[in-house]
PDB file of all heavy atoms in Angstrom:
ATOM      1  N   LYS A   1       0.906  -1.237   0.033  1.00  0.00           N
ATOM      2  CA  LYS A   1      -0.020   0.011   0.067  1.00  0.00           C
ATOM      3  C   LYS A   1       0.895   1.254  -0.001  1.00  0.00           C
ATOM      4  O   LYS A   1       0.616   2.176  -0.706  1.00  0.00           O
ATOM      5  CB  LYS A   1      -0.946  -0.048   1.269  1.00  0.00           C
ATOM      6  CG  LYS A   1      -1.659   1.217   1.408  1.00  0.00           C
ATOM      7  CD  LYS A   1      -2.968   1.178   0.607  1.00  0.00           C
ATOM      8  CE  LYS A   1      -3.933   2.285   0.933  1.00  0.00           C
ATOM      9  NZ  LYS A   1      -3.977   3.315  -0.041  1.00  0.00           N
ATOM     10  N   SER A   2       1.955   1.264   0.840  1.00  0.00           N
ATOM     11  CA  SER A   2       2.794   2.377   0.891  1.00  0.00           C
ATOM     12  C   SER A   2       3.572   2.562  -0.398  1.00  0.00           C
ATOM     13  O   SER A   2       3.722   3.710  -0.900  1.00  0.00           O
ATOM     14  CB  SER A   2       3.837   2.143   2.034  1.00  0.00           C
ATOM     15  OG  SER A   2       4.836   3.168   1.984  1.00  0.00           O
ATOM     16  N   MET A   3       4.017   1.449  -1.086  1.00  0.00           N
ATOM     17  CA  MET A   3       4.697   1.591  -2.295  1.00  0.00           C
ATOM     18  C   MET A   3       3.770   2.112  -3.420  1.00  0.00           C
ATOM     19  O   MET A   3       4.085   2.868  -4.254  1.00  0.00           O
ATOM     20  CB  MET A   3       5.336   0.229  -2.730  1.00  0.00           C
ATOM     21  CG  MET A   3       6.245   0.385  -3.921  1.00  0.00           C
ATOM     22  SD  MET A   3       7.155  -1.093  -4.433  1.00  0.00           S
ATOM     23  CE  MET A   3       6.885  -2.329  -3.264  1.00  0.00           C
ATOM     24  N   SER A   4       2.540   1.567  -3.366  1.00  0.00           N
ATOM     25  CA  SER A   4       1.536   1.901  -4.316  1.00  0.00           C
ATOM     26  C   SER A   4       1.224   3.481  -4.182  1.00  0.00           C
ATOM     27  O   SER A   4       1.064   4.274  -5.277  1.00  0.00           O
ATOM     28  CB  SER A   4       0.221   1.209  -4.102  1.00  0.00           C
ATOM     29  OG  SER A   4      -0.818   1.634  -4.965  1.00  0.00           O
ATOM     30  N   ASP A   5       1.148   3.969  -2.916  1.00  0.00           N
ATOM     31  CA  ASP A   5       0.961   5.439  -2.754  1.00  0.00           C
ATOM     32  C   ASP A   5       2.072   6.238  -3.301  1.00  0.00           C
ATOM     33  O   ASP A   5       1.932   7.311  -3.924  1.00  0.00           O
ATOM     34  CB  ASP A   5       0.667   5.713  -1.319  1.00  0.00           C
ATOM     35  CG  ASP A   5      -0.652   5.122  -0.732  1.00  0.00           C
ATOM     36  OD1 ASP A   5      -1.468   4.805  -1.565  1.00  0.00           O
ATOM     37  OD2 ASP A   5      -0.715   5.007   0.529  1.00  0.00           O
ATOM     38  N   LYS A   6       3.301   5.719  -3.025  1.00  0.00           N
ATOM     39  CA  LYS A   6       4.459   6.488  -3.567  1.00  0.00           C
ATOM     40  C   LYS A   6       4.520   6.550  -5.010  1.00  0.00           C
ATOM     41  O   LYS A   6       4.896   7.530  -5.615  1.00  0.00           O
ATOM     42  CB  LYS A   6       5.772   5.808  -2.987  1.00  0.00           C
ATOM     43  CG  LYS A   6       5.992   6.130  -1.489  1.00  0.00           C
ATOM     44  CD  LYS A   6       7.219   5.483  -0.984  1.00  0.00           C
ATOM     45  CE  LYS A   6       7.382   5.777   0.476  1.00  0.00           C
ATOM     46  NZ  LYS A   6       8.546   5.195   1.046  1.00  0.00           N
ATOM     47  N   VAL A   7       4.177   5.426  -5.692  1.00  0.00           N
ATOM     48  CA  VAL A   7       4.095   5.357  -7.166  1.00  0.00           C
ATOM     49  C   VAL A   7       3.102   6.306  -7.719  1.00  0.00           C
ATOM     50  O   VAL A   7       3.276   7.054  -8.617  1.00  0.00           O
ATOM     51  CB  VAL A   7       3.919   3.957  -7.647  1.00  0.00           C
ATOM     52  CG1 VAL A   7       3.562   3.914  -9.174  1.00  0.00           C
ATOM     53  CG2 VAL A   7       5.082   3.094  -7.376  1.00  0.00           C
ATOM     54  N   ASP A   8       1.875   6.340  -7.020  1.00  0.00           N
ATOM     55  CA  ASP A   8       0.851   7.328  -7.443  1.00  0.00           C
ATOM     56  C   ASP A   8       1.328   8.757  -7.273  1.00  0.00           C
ATOM     57  O   ASP A   8       1.062   9.592  -8.122  1.00  0.00           O
ATOM     58  CB  ASP A   8      -0.394   7.065  -6.589  1.00  0.00           C
ATOM     59  CG  ASP A   8      -1.059   5.738  -6.923  1.00  0.00           C
ATOM     60  OD1 ASP A   8      -0.813   5.183  -8.031  1.00  0.00           O
ATOM     61  OD2 ASP A   8      -1.915   5.294  -6.073  1.00  0.00           O
ATOM     62  N   GLU A   9       2.037   8.988  -6.246  1.00  0.00           N
ATOM     63  CA  GLU A   9       2.566  10.288  -5.951  1.00  0.00           C
ATOM     64  C   GLU A   9       3.587  10.736  -6.992  1.00  0.00           C
ATOM     65  O   GLU A   9       3.580  11.856  -7.484  1.00  0.00           O
ATOM     66  CB  GLU A   9       3.192  10.368  -4.560  1.00  0.00           C
ATOM     67  CG  GLU A   9       3.728  11.753  -4.186  1.00  0.00           C
ATOM     68  CD  GLU A   9       4.360  11.733  -2.735  1.00  0.00           C
ATOM     69  OE1 GLU A   9       3.844  10.961  -1.869  1.00  0.00           O
ATOM     70  OE2 GLU A   9       5.317  12.439  -2.537  1.00  0.00           O
ATOM     71  N   MET A  10       4.457   9.818  -7.345  1.00  0.00           N
ATOM     72  CA  MET A  10       5.448  10.076  -8.366  1.00  0.00           C
ATOM     73  C   MET A  10       4.804  10.298  -9.785  1.00  0.00           C
ATOM     74  O   MET A  10       5.211  11.181 -10.534  1.00  0.00           O
ATOM     75  CB  MET A  10       6.410   8.881  -8.526  1.00  0.00           C
ATOM     76  CG  MET A  10       7.464   8.838  -7.467  1.00  0.00           C
ATOM     77  SD  MET A  10       8.568   7.402  -7.464  1.00  0.00           S
ATOM     78  CE  MET A  10       9.074   7.486  -9.152  1.00  0.00           C
ATOM     79  N   GLU A  11       3.695   9.516 -10.059  1.00  0.00           N
ATOM     80  CA  GLU A  11       2.981   9.757 -11.289  1.00  0.00           C
ATOM     81  C   GLU A  11       2.399  11.125 -11.343  1.00  0.00           C
ATOM     82  O   GLU A  11       2.494  11.781 -12.401  1.00  0.00           O
ATOM     83  CB  GLU A  11       1.943   8.616 -11.431  1.00  0.00           C
ATOM     84  CG  GLU A  11       1.189   8.629 -12.809  1.00  0.00           C
ATOM     85  CD  GLU A  11       0.166   7.582 -12.893  1.00  0.00           C
ATOM     86  OE1 GLU A  11      -0.048   6.856 -11.896  1.00  0.00           O
ATOM     87  OE2 GLU A  11      -0.420   7.443 -13.964  1.00  0.00           O
ATOM     88  N   VAL A  12       1.787  11.556 -10.282  1.00  0.00           N
ATOM     89  CA  VAL A  12       1.179  12.928 -10.220  1.00  0.00           C
ATOM     90  C   VAL A  12       2.300  13.948 -10.459  1.00  0.00           C
ATOM     91  O   VAL A  12       2.153  14.966 -11.186  1.00  0.00           O
ATOM     92  CB  VAL A  12       0.388  13.147  -8.871  1.00  0.00           C
ATOM     93  CG1 VAL A  12       0.126  14.559  -8.696  1.00  0.00           C
ATOM     94  CG2 VAL A  12      -0.776  12.273  -8.872  1.00  0.00           C
ATOM     95  N   THR A  13       3.428  13.761  -9.779  1.00  0.00           N
ATOM     96  CA  THR A  13       4.552  14.679  -9.921  1.00  0.00           C
ATOM     97  C   THR A  13       5.001  14.741 -11.330  1.00  0.00           C
ATOM     98  O   THR A  13       5.348  15.862 -11.845  1.00  0.00           O
ATOM     99  CB  THR A  13       5.696  14.308  -8.920  1.00  0.00           C
ATOM    100  OG1 THR A  13       5.295  14.282  -7.605  1.00  0.00           O
ATOM    101  CG2 THR A  13       6.882  15.285  -9.069  1.00  0.00           C
ATOM    102  N   LEU A  14       5.233  13.614 -11.956  1.00  0.00           N
ATOM    103  CA  LEU A  14       5.604  13.566 -13.379  1.00  0.00           C
ATOM    104  C   LEU A  14       4.639  14.176 -14.309  1.00  0.00           C
ATOM    105  O   LEU A  14       5.016  14.940 -15.238  1.00  0.00           O
ATOM    106  CB  LEU A  14       5.913  12.135 -13.733  1.00  0.00           C
ATOM    107  CG  LEU A  14       7.166  11.391 -13.209  1.00  0.00           C
ATOM    108  CD1 LEU A  14       7.217   9.981 -13.599  1.00  0.00           C
ATOM    109  CD2 LEU A  14       8.451  12.187 -13.694  1.00  0.00           C
ATOM    110  N   ASN A  15       3.372  13.968 -14.086  1.00  0.00           N
ATOM    111  CA  ASN A  15       2.350  14.687 -14.892  1.00  0.00           C
ATOM    112  C   ASN A  15       2.402  16.169 -14.731  1.00  0.00           C
ATOM    113  O   ASN A  15       2.314  16.969 -15.696  1.00  0.00           O
ATOM    114  CB  ASN A  15       0.961  14.157 -14.514  1.00  0.00           C
ATOM    115  CG  ASN A  15       0.717  12.722 -15.084  1.00  0.00           C
ATOM    116  OD1 ASN A  15       1.415  12.257 -16.029  1.00  0.00           O
ATOM    117  ND2 ASN A  15      -0.196  11.992 -14.450  1.00  0.00           N
ATOM    118  N   ASN A  16       2.644  16.618 -13.478  1.00  0.00           N
ATOM    119  CA  ASN A  16       2.700  18.022 -13.245  1.00  0.00           C
ATOM    120  C   ASN A  16       4.005  18.605 -13.947  1.00  0.00           C
ATOM    121  O   ASN A  16       3.944  19.689 -14.478  1.00  0.00           O
ATOM    122  CB  ASN A  16       2.842  18.357 -11.770  1.00  0.00           C
ATOM    123  CG  ASN A  16       1.478  18.125 -11.049  1.00  0.00           C
ATOM    124  OD1 ASN A  16       0.448  18.089 -11.702  1.00  0.00           O
ATOM    125  ND2 ASN A  16       1.591  18.006  -9.786  1.00  0.00           N
ATOM    126  N   MET A  17       5.075  17.841 -13.915  1.00  0.00           N
ATOM    127  CA  MET A  17       6.295  18.337 -14.549  1.00  0.00           C
ATOM    128  C   MET A  17       6.128  18.393 -16.024  1.00  0.00           C
ATOM    129  O   MET A  17       6.576  19.363 -16.716  1.00  0.00           O
ATOM    130  CB  MET A  17       7.513  17.411 -14.186  1.00  0.00           C
ATOM    131  CG  MET A  17       7.985  17.536 -12.778  1.00  0.00           C
ATOM    132  SD  MET A  17       9.223  16.295 -12.323  1.00  0.00           S
ATOM    133  CE  MET A  17      10.471  16.577 -13.604  1.00  0.00           C
ATOM    134  N   GLN A  18       5.462  17.364 -16.647  1.00  0.00           N
ATOM    135  CA  GLN A  18       5.182  17.341 -18.057  1.00  0.00           C
ATOM    136  C   GLN A  18       4.345  18.554 -18.448  1.00  0.00           C
ATOM    137  O   GLN A  18       4.641  19.231 -19.435  1.00  0.00           O
ATOM    138  CB  GLN A  18       4.532  16.000 -18.439  1.00  0.00           C
ATOM    139  CG  GLN A  18       4.344  15.914 -19.866  1.00  0.00           C
ATOM    140  CD  GLN A  18       3.576  14.625 -20.296  1.00  0.00           C
ATOM    141  OE1 GLN A  18       3.159  13.880 -19.389  1.00  0.00           O
ATOM    142  NE2 GLN A  18       3.514  14.295 -21.529  1.00  0.00           N
ATOM    143  N   SER A  19       3.267  18.782 -17.728  1.00  0.00           N
ATOM    144  CA  SER A  19       2.373  19.862 -18.127  1.00  0.00           C
ATOM    145  C   SER A  19       3.115  21.237 -17.949  1.00  0.00           C
ATOM    146  O   SER A  19       2.952  22.151 -18.719  1.00  0.00           O
ATOM    147  CB  SER A  19       1.083  19.880 -17.249  1.00  0.00           C
ATOM    148  OG  SER A  19       1.317  20.110 -15.968  1.00  0.00           O
ATOM    149  N   SER A  20       3.928  21.302 -16.901  1.00  0.00           N
ATOM    150  CA  SER A  20       4.749  22.577 -16.669  1.00  0.00           C
ATOM    151  C   SER A  20       5.769  22.780 -17.792  1.00  0.00           C
ATOM    152  O   SER A  20       5.930  23.905 -18.385  1.00  0.00           O
ATOM    153  CB  SER A  20       5.435  22.480 -15.367  1.00  0.00           C
ATOM    154  OG  SER A  20       6.311  23.568 -15.210  1.00  0.00           O
ATOM    155  N   PHE A  21       6.380  21.666 -18.283  1.00  0.00           N
ATOM    156  CA  PHE A  21       7.358  21.753 -19.365  1.00  0.00           C
ATOM    157  C   PHE A  21       6.589  22.161 -20.646  1.00  0.00           C
ATOM    158  O   PHE A  21       7.117  22.942 -21.425  1.00  0.00           O
ATOM    159  CB  PHE A  21       8.073  20.426 -19.515  1.00  0.00           C
ATOM    160  CG  PHE A  21       9.036  20.425 -20.652  1.00  0.00           C
ATOM    161  CD1 PHE A  21      10.243  21.048 -20.460  1.00  0.00           C
ATOM    162  CD2 PHE A  21       8.804  19.767 -21.852  1.00  0.00           C
ATOM    163  CE1 PHE A  21      11.211  21.064 -21.448  1.00  0.00           C
ATOM    164  CE2 PHE A  21       9.738  19.690 -22.874  1.00  0.00           C
ATOM    165  CZ  PHE A  21      10.938  20.397 -22.650  1.00  0.00           C
ATOM    166  N   GLN A  22       5.367  21.571 -20.901  1.00  0.00           N
ATOM    167  CA  GLN A  22       4.647  21.934 -22.146  1.00  0.00           C
ATOM    168  C   GLN A  22       4.295  23.421 -22.127  1.00  0.00           C
ATOM    169  O   GLN A  22       4.334  24.085 -23.118  1.00  0.00           O
ATOM    170  CB  GLN A  22       3.433  21.046 -22.228  1.00  0.00           C
ATOM    171  CG  GLN A  22       3.788  19.576 -22.721  1.00  0.00           C
ATOM    172  CD  GLN A  22       2.571  18.648 -22.704  1.00  0.00           C
ATOM    173  OE1 GLN A  22       1.518  18.995 -22.050  1.00  0.00           O
ATOM    174  NE2 GLN A  22       2.770  17.482 -23.184  1.00  0.00           N
ATOM    175  N   VAL A  23       3.815  23.851 -20.940  1.00  0.00           N
ATOM    176  CA  VAL A  23       3.488  25.275 -20.872  1.00  0.00           C
ATOM    177  C   VAL A  23       4.705  26.194 -21.057  1.00  0.00           C
ATOM    178  O   VAL A  23       4.687  27.195 -21.793  1.00  0.00           O
ATOM    179  CB  VAL A  23       2.869  25.618 -19.438  1.00  0.00           C
ATOM    180  CG1 VAL A  23       2.791  27.153 -19.240  1.00  0.00           C
ATOM    181  CG2 VAL A  23       1.457  24.984 -19.361  1.00  0.00           C
ATOM    182  N   HIS A  24       5.830  25.750 -20.505  1.00  0.00           N
ATOM    183  CA  HIS A  24       7.068  26.481 -20.689  1.00  0.00           C
ATOM    184  C   HIS A  24       7.507  26.564 -22.104  1.00  0.00           C
ATOM    185  O   HIS A  24       7.896  27.623 -22.668  1.00  0.00           O
ATOM    186  CB  HIS A  24       8.101  25.887 -19.772  1.00  0.00           C
ATOM    187  CG  HIS A  24       9.471  26.599 -19.918  1.00  0.00           C
ATOM    188  ND1 HIS A  24       9.710  27.737 -19.186  1.00  0.00           N
ATOM    189  CD2 HIS A  24      10.641  26.322 -20.502  1.00  0.00           C
ATOM    190  CE1 HIS A  24      10.907  28.145 -19.454  1.00  0.00           C
ATOM    191  NE2 HIS A  24      11.479  27.317 -20.201  1.00  0.00           N
ATOM    192  N   THR A  25       7.470  25.410 -22.822  1.00  0.00           N
ATOM    193  CA  THR A  25       7.921  25.417 -24.249  1.00  0.00           C
ATOM    194  C   THR A  25       6.898  26.007 -25.193  1.00  0.00           C
ATOM    195  O   THR A  25       7.337  26.463 -26.268  1.00  0.00           O
ATOM    196  CB  THR A  25       8.295  23.961 -24.632  1.00  0.00           C
ATOM    197  OG1 THR A  25       7.107  23.175 -24.431  1.00  0.00           O
ATOM    198  CG2 THR A  25       9.465  23.457 -23.913  1.00  0.00           C
ATOM    199  N   ALA A  26       5.669  25.962 -24.824  1.00  0.00           N
ATOM    200  CA  ALA A  26       4.615  26.473 -25.766  1.00  0.00           C
ATOM    201  C   ALA A  26       4.643  28.041 -25.727  1.00  0.00           C
ATOM    202  O   ALA A  26       4.226  28.668 -26.654  1.00  0.00           O
ATOM    203  CB  ALA A  26       3.250  25.994 -25.399  1.00  0.00           C
ATOM    204  N   ASN A  27       5.073  28.652 -24.642  1.00  0.00           N
ATOM    205  CA  ASN A  27       5.017  30.051 -24.449  1.00  0.00           C
ATOM    206  C   ASN A  27       6.395  30.720 -24.908  1.00  0.00           C
ATOM    207  O   ASN A  27       7.413  30.629 -24.217  1.00  0.00           O
ATOM    208  CB  ASN A  27       4.771  30.469 -23.063  1.00  0.00           C
ATOM    209  CG  ASN A  27       4.521  31.903 -22.835  1.00  0.00           C
ATOM    210  OD1 ASN A  27       4.645  32.729 -23.818  1.00  0.00           O
ATOM    211  ND2 ASN A  27       4.329  32.347 -21.627  1.00  0.00           N
ATOM    212  N   SER A  28       6.427  31.213 -26.146  1.00  0.00           N
ATOM    213  CA  SER A  28       7.751  31.787 -26.594  1.00  0.00           C
ATOM    214  C   SER A  28       8.090  33.093 -25.945  1.00  0.00           C
ATOM    215  O   SER A  28       9.231  33.454 -25.986  1.00  0.00           O
ATOM    216  CB  SER A  28       7.560  32.035 -28.158  1.00  0.00           C
ATOM    217  OG  SER A  28       6.587  33.063 -28.370  1.00  0.00           O
ATOM    218  N   GLU A  29       7.168  33.711 -25.283  1.00  0.00           N
ATOM    219  CA  GLU A  29       7.438  34.970 -24.540  1.00  0.00           C
ATOM    220  C   GLU A  29       8.516  34.728 -23.458  1.00  0.00           C
ATOM    221  O   GLU A  29       9.153  35.575 -22.973  1.00  0.00           O
ATOM    222  CB  GLU A  29       6.197  35.574 -23.939  1.00  0.00           C
ATOM    223  CG  GLU A  29       5.215  36.075 -25.072  1.00  0.00           C
ATOM    224  CD  GLU A  29       5.858  37.292 -25.846  1.00  0.00           C
ATOM    225  OE1 GLU A  29       6.539  38.125 -25.180  1.00  0.00           O
ATOM    226  OE2 GLU A  29       5.694  37.341 -27.050  1.00  0.00           O
ATOM    227  N   ILE A  30       8.547  33.461 -22.942  1.00  0.00           N
ATOM    228  CA  ILE A  30       9.446  33.164 -21.893  1.00  0.00           C
ATOM    229  C   ILE A  30      10.885  33.283 -22.450  1.00  0.00           C
ATOM    230  O   ILE A  30      11.794  33.780 -21.679  1.00  0.00           O
ATOM    231  CB  ILE A  30       9.272  31.693 -21.331  1.00  0.00           C
ATOM    232  CG1 ILE A  30       7.896  31.663 -20.640  1.00  0.00           C
ATOM    233  CG2 ILE A  30      10.321  31.254 -20.441  1.00  0.00           C
ATOM    234  CD1 ILE A  30       7.470  30.294 -20.207  1.00  0.00           C
ATOM    235  N   HIS A  31      11.145  32.895 -23.648  1.00  0.00           N
ATOM    236  CA  HIS A  31      12.449  32.864 -24.211  1.00  0.00           C
ATOM    237  C   HIS A  31      12.767  34.067 -25.116  1.00  0.00           C
ATOM    238  O   HIS A  31      13.887  34.517 -25.149  1.00  0.00           O
ATOM    239  CB  HIS A  31      12.652  31.642 -25.117  1.00  0.00           C
ATOM    240  CG  HIS A  31      12.444  30.326 -24.279  1.00  0.00           C
ATOM    241  ND1 HIS A  31      13.254  29.870 -23.348  1.00  0.00           N
ATOM    242  CD2 HIS A  31      11.389  29.487 -24.289  1.00  0.00           C
ATOM    243  CE1 HIS A  31      12.882  28.825 -22.790  1.00  0.00           C
ATOM    244  NE2 HIS A  31      11.744  28.497 -23.326  1.00  0.00           N
ATOM    245  N   ILE A  32      11.807  34.553 -25.798  1.00  0.00           N
ATOM    246  CA  ILE A  32      12.057  35.651 -26.752  1.00  0.00           C
ATOM    247  C   ILE A  32      11.181  36.807 -26.378  1.00  0.00           C
ATOM    248  O   ILE A  32       9.986  36.843 -26.546  1.00  0.00           O
ATOM    249  CB  ILE A  32      11.745  35.165 -28.242  1.00  0.00           C
ATOM    250  CG1 ILE A  32      12.558  33.984 -28.568  1.00  0.00           C
ATOM    251  CG2 ILE A  32      11.941  36.311 -29.134  1.00  0.00           C
ATOM    252  CD1 ILE A  32      12.235  33.381 -29.896  1.00  0.00           C
ATOM    253  N   SER A  33      11.851  37.827 -25.852  1.00  0.00           N
ATOM    254  CA  SER A  33      11.154  39.057 -25.461  1.00  0.00           C
ATOM    255  C   SER A  33      11.461  40.121 -26.428  1.00  0.00           C
ATOM    256  O   SER A  33      12.378  40.051 -27.209  1.00  0.00           O
ATOM    257  CB  SER A  33      11.519  39.453 -24.079  1.00  0.00           C
ATOM    258  OG  SER A  33      12.900  39.774 -24.017  1.00  0.00           O
ATOM    259  N   GLY A  34      10.842  41.207 -26.313  1.00  0.00           N
ATOM    260  CA  GLY A  34      11.053  42.377 -27.186  1.00  0.00           C
ATOM    261  C   GLY A  34      12.435  42.991 -26.948  1.00  0.00           C
ATOM    262  O   GLY A  34      13.150  43.299 -27.918  1.00  0.00           O
ATOM    263  N   THR A  35      12.922  42.926 -25.765  1.00  0.00           N
ATOM    264  CA  THR A  35      14.256  43.357 -25.464  1.00  0.00           C
ATOM    265  C   THR A  35      15.323  42.510 -26.121  1.00  0.00           C
ATOM    266  O   THR A  35      16.380  42.978 -26.690  1.00  0.00           O
ATOM    267  CB  THR A  35      14.486  43.438 -23.936  1.00  0.00           C
ATOM    268  OG1 THR A  35      13.484  44.134 -23.318  1.00  0.00           O
ATOM    269  CG2 THR A  35      15.914  43.997 -23.595  1.00  0.00           C
ATOM    270  N   LEU A  36      15.100  41.189 -26.048  1.00  0.00           N
ATOM    271  CA  LEU A  36      15.985  40.283 -26.699  1.00  0.00           C
ATOM    272  C   LEU A  36      16.078  40.491 -28.198  1.00  0.00           C
ATOM    273  O   LEU A  36      17.102  40.531 -28.840  1.00  0.00           O
ATOM    274  CB  LEU A  36      15.699  38.824 -26.333  1.00  0.00           C
ATOM    275  CG  LEU A  36      16.584  37.739 -26.954  1.00  0.00           C
ATOM    276  CD1 LEU A  36      18.024  37.899 -26.325  1.00  0.00           C
ATOM    277  CD2 LEU A  36      16.061  36.415 -26.635  1.00  0.00           C
ATOM    278  N   LEU A  37      14.910  40.691 -28.830  1.00  0.00           N
ATOM    279  CA  LEU A  37      14.910  40.926 -30.276  1.00  0.00           C
ATOM    280  C   LEU A  37      15.582  42.248 -30.623  1.00  0.00           C
ATOM    281  O   LEU A  37      16.315  42.329 -31.639  1.00  0.00           O
ATOM    282  CB  LEU A  37      13.388  40.966 -30.711  1.00  0.00           C
ATOM    283  CG  LEU A  37      12.707  39.659 -30.740  1.00  0.00           C
ATOM    284  CD1 LEU A  37      11.191  39.800 -31.072  1.00  0.00           C
ATOM    285  CD2 LEU A  37      13.395  38.629 -31.635  1.00  0.00           C
ATOM    286  N   LYS A  38      15.390  43.246 -29.753  1.00  0.00           N
ATOM    287  CA  LYS A  38      16.121  44.521 -29.997  1.00  0.00           C
ATOM    288  C   LYS A  38      17.578  44.337 -29.945  1.00  0.00           C
ATOM    289  O   LYS A  38      18.332  44.881 -30.714  1.00  0.00           O
ATOM    290  CB  LYS A  38      15.609  45.538 -28.948  1.00  0.00           C
ATOM    291  CG  LYS A  38      16.281  46.945 -29.129  1.00  0.00           C
ATOM    292  CD  LYS A  38      15.711  47.858 -28.047  1.00  0.00           C
ATOM    293  CE  LYS A  38      16.451  49.238 -28.242  1.00  0.00           C
ATOM    294  NZ  LYS A  38      16.061  50.100 -27.163  1.00  0.00           N
ATOM    295  N   LEU A  39      18.080  43.558 -28.969  1.00  0.00           N
ATOM    296  CA  LEU A  39      19.498  43.300 -28.790  1.00  0.00           C
ATOM    297  C   LEU A  39      20.039  42.507 -30.024  1.00  0.00           C
ATOM    298  O   LEU A  39      21.118  42.803 -30.540  1.00  0.00           O
ATOM    299  CB  LEU A  39      19.776  42.468 -27.526  1.00  0.00           C
ATOM    300  CG  LEU A  39      19.682  43.187 -26.211  1.00  0.00           C
ATOM    301  CD1 LEU A  39      19.769  42.196 -25.084  1.00  0.00           C
ATOM    302  CD2 LEU A  39      20.664  44.232 -26.129  1.00  0.00           C
ATOM    303  N   PHE A  40      19.223  41.533 -30.516  1.00  0.00           N
ATOM    304  CA  PHE A  40      19.609  40.847 -31.717  1.00  0.00           C
ATOM    305  C   PHE A  40      19.708  41.749 -32.931  1.00  0.00           C
ATOM    306  O   PHE A  40      20.664  41.693 -33.754  1.00  0.00           O
ATOM    307  CB  PHE A  40      18.674  39.716 -32.114  1.00  0.00           C
ATOM    308  CG  PHE A  40      18.740  38.522 -31.247  1.00  0.00           C
ATOM    309  CD1 PHE A  40      17.715  37.631 -31.036  1.00  0.00           C
ATOM    310  CD2 PHE A  40      19.970  38.196 -30.616  1.00  0.00           C
ATOM    311  CE1 PHE A  40      17.748  36.518 -30.260  1.00  0.00           C
ATOM    312  CE2 PHE A  40      20.068  37.012 -29.803  1.00  0.00           C
ATOM    313  CZ  PHE A  40      18.960  36.207 -29.659  1.00  0.00           C
ATOM    314  N   ASP A  41      18.819  42.762 -33.076  1.00  0.00           N
ATOM    315  CA  ASP A  41      18.839  43.721 -34.162  1.00  0.00           C
ATOM    316  C   ASP A  41      20.037  44.600 -34.032  1.00  0.00           C
ATOM    317  O   ASP A  41      20.754  44.842 -35.003  1.00  0.00           O
ATOM    318  CB  ASP A  41      17.595  44.580 -34.211  1.00  0.00           C
ATOM    319  CG  ASP A  41      16.362  43.764 -34.673  1.00  0.00           C
ATOM    320  OD1 ASP A  41      16.541  42.735 -35.289  1.00  0.00           O
ATOM    321  OD2 ASP A  41      15.207  44.153 -34.277  1.00  0.00           O
ATOM    322  N   GLU A  42      20.335  45.098 -32.836  1.00  0.00           N
ATOM    323  CA  GLU A  42      21.523  45.942 -32.575  1.00  0.00           C
ATOM    324  C   GLU A  42      22.774  45.144 -32.981  1.00  0.00           C
ATOM    325  O   GLU A  42      23.729  45.688 -33.572  1.00  0.00           O
ATOM    326  CB  GLU A  42      21.567  46.402 -31.269  1.00  0.00           C
ATOM    327  CG  GLU A  42      20.473  47.447 -30.862  1.00  0.00           C
ATOM    328  CD  GLU A  42      20.459  47.885 -29.436  1.00  0.00           C
ATOM    329  OE1 GLU A  42      21.328  47.378 -28.595  1.00  0.00           O
ATOM    330  OE2 GLU A  42      19.619  48.728 -29.075  1.00  0.00           O
ATOM    331  N   ARG A  43      22.897  43.923 -32.552  1.00  0.00           N
ATOM    332  CA  ARG A  43      24.020  43.142 -32.843  1.00  0.00           C
ATOM    333  C   ARG A  43      24.150  42.861 -34.365  1.00  0.00           C
ATOM    334  O   ARG A  43      25.300  42.974 -34.844  1.00  0.00           O
ATOM    335  CB  ARG A  43      23.893  41.777 -32.028  1.00  0.00           C
ATOM    336  CG  ARG A  43      25.046  40.854 -32.377  1.00  0.00           C
ATOM    337  CD  ARG A  43      26.303  41.235 -31.648  1.00  0.00           C
ATOM    338  NE  ARG A  43      27.321  40.343 -31.916  1.00  0.00           N
ATOM    339  CZ  ARG A  43      28.666  40.571 -31.827  1.00  0.00           C
ATOM    340  NH1 ARG A  43      28.989  41.784 -31.486  1.00  0.00           N
ATOM    341  NH2 ARG A  43      29.526  39.706 -32.042  1.00  0.00           N
ATOM    342  N   SER A  44      23.084  42.593 -34.975  1.00  0.00           N
ATOM    343  CA  SER A  44      23.119  42.400 -36.431  1.00  0.00           C
ATOM    344  C   SER A  44      23.621  43.778 -37.133  1.00  0.00           C
ATOM    345  O   SER A  44      24.456  43.662 -38.025  1.00  0.00           O
ATOM    346  CB  SER A  44      21.685  42.036 -36.924  1.00  0.00           C
ATOM    347  OG  SER A  44      21.745  42.052 -38.348  1.00  0.00           O
TER     348      SER A  44
END
């Protein structure tokens, strides 16, 4: 029962991590901001 509960807890944690990762990668604003684009233009 204890092992089953721990496996269930790990499954929930992994699902949360996966959804968090999908949100993180789906949102380009996290990685590319207006300031970063401006810096790229200035560097170019």
